[in-house]
Amino acid sequence: MGRKQDRARVAGGQDYEVRYEAKKTRRSASAVKKAVKKVGSSRKKVERRLRSK
């Protein structure tokens, strides 16, 4: 359960997670970090935020 829960979050301070999310959404790493700061670490919310811009 812990692993699945971990995948539901984006760790904004972890470069590899930021790079993964940036590549997945075709956005910059700084855009991912800004999204995490704005909407929190929920992967769904971060991806929704990145798609809406």
C-alpha atoms as a PDB file:
ATOM      1  CA  MET A   1       0.000   0.000   0.000  1.00  0.00           C
ATOM      2  CA  GLY A   2       2.806   2.419   0.797  1.00  0.00           C
ATOM      3  CA  ARG A   3       4.262   2.169  -2.687  1.00  0.00           C
ATOM      4  CA  LYS A   4       0.924   2.878  -4.395  1.00  0.00           C
ATOM      5  CA  GLN A   5       0.313   5.814  -2.109  1.00  0.00           C
ATOM      6  CA  ASP A   6       3.822   7.083  -2.888  1.00  0.00           C
ATOM      7  CA  ARG A   7       3.090   7.001  -6.626  1.00  0.00           C
ATOM      8  CA  ALA A   8       0.057   9.203  -6.044  1.00  0.00           C
ATOM      9  CA  ARG A   9       2.382  12.027  -4.971  1.00  0.00           C
ATOM     10  CA  VAL A  10       5.049  14.089  -6.694  1.00  0.00           C
ATOM     11  CA  ALA A  11       8.024  14.871  -4.488  1.00  0.00           C
ATOM     12  CA  GLY A  12       8.926  18.363  -5.685  1.00  0.00           C
ATOM     13  CA  GLY A  13      12.324  18.156  -4.005  1.00  0.00           C
ATOM     14  CA  GLN A  14      13.299  14.918  -5.751  1.00  0.00           C
ATOM     15  CA  ASP A  15      14.950  15.752  -9.083  1.00  0.00           C
ATOM     16  CA  TYR A  16      14.212  12.355 -10.622  1.00  0.00           C
ATOM     17  CA  GLU A  17      10.490  12.688  -9.828  1.00  0.00           C
ATOM     18  CA  VAL A  18      10.392  16.218 -11.221  1.00  0.00           C
ATOM     19  CA  ARG A  19      12.220  15.102 -14.404  1.00  0.00           C
ATOM     20  CA  TYR A  20       9.862  12.127 -14.818  1.00  0.00           C
ATOM     21  CA  GLU A  21       6.773  14.310 -14.476  1.00  0.00           C
ATOM     22  CA  ALA A  22       8.247  16.965 -16.777  1.00  0.00           C
ATOM     23  CA  LYS A  23       8.959  14.384 -19.484  1.00  0.00           C
ATOM     24  CA  LYS A  24       5.552  12.740 -19.037  1.00  0.00           C
ATOM     25  CA  THR A  25       3.675  16.044 -19.371  1.00  0.00           C
ATOM     26  CA  ARG A  26       6.140  17.622 -21.855  1.00  0.00           C
ATOM     27  CA  ARG A  27       6.699  20.565 -19.528  1.00  0.00           C
ATOM     28  CA  SER A  28       9.803  22.029 -17.930  1.00  0.00           C
ATOM     29  CA  ALA A  29      11.079  20.931 -14.543  1.00  0.00           C
ATOM     30  CA  SER A  30      10.471  24.429 -13.190  1.00  0.00           C
ATOM     31  CA  ALA A  31       6.838  24.252 -14.361  1.00  0.00           C
ATOM     32  CA  VAL A  32       6.440  20.984 -12.441  1.00  0.00           C
ATOM     33  CA  LYS A  33       7.960  22.493  -9.295  1.00  0.00           C
ATOM     34  CA  LYS A  34       5.691  25.542  -9.562  1.00  0.00           C
ATOM     35  CA  ALA A  35       2.650  23.292  -9.985  1.00  0.00           C
ATOM     36  CA  VAL A  36       3.615  21.285  -6.890  1.00  0.00           C
ATOM     37  CA  LYS A  37       3.936  24.513  -4.890  1.00  0.00           C
ATOM     38  CA  LYS A  38       0.602  25.788  -6.180  1.00  0.00           C
ATOM     39  CA  VAL A  39      -1.626  22.695  -5.863  1.00  0.00           C
ATOM     40  CA  GLY A  40       0.302  20.393  -3.528  1.00  0.00           C
ATOM     41  CA  SER A  41       1.933  17.045  -4.157  1.00  0.00           C
ATOM     42  CA  SER A  42      -1.071  15.104  -5.479  1.00  0.00           C
ATOM     43  CA  ARG A  43       0.034  13.705  -8.857  1.00  0.00           C
ATOM     44  CA  LYS A  44      -3.487  14.074 -10.303  1.00  0.00           C
ATOM     45  CA  LYS A  45      -3.707  17.726  -9.289  1.00  0.00           C
ATOM     46  CA  VAL A  46      -0.202  18.487 -10.560  1.00  0.00           C
ATOM     47  CA  GLU A  47      -0.891  16.861 -13.931  1.00  0.00           C
ATOM     48  CA  ARG A  48      -4.238  18.645 -14.216  1.00  0.00           C
ATOM     49  CA  ARG A  49      -2.515  21.970 -13.465  1.00  0.00           C
ATOM     50  CA  LEU A  50       0.209  21.325 -16.054  1.00  0.00           C
ATOM     51  CA  ARG A  51      -2.324  20.365 -18.743  1.00  0.00           C
ATOM     52  CA  SER A  52      -4.436  23.464 -18.154  1.00  0.00           C
ATOM     53  CA  LYS A  53      -1.593  25.885 -18.872  1.00  0.00           C
END
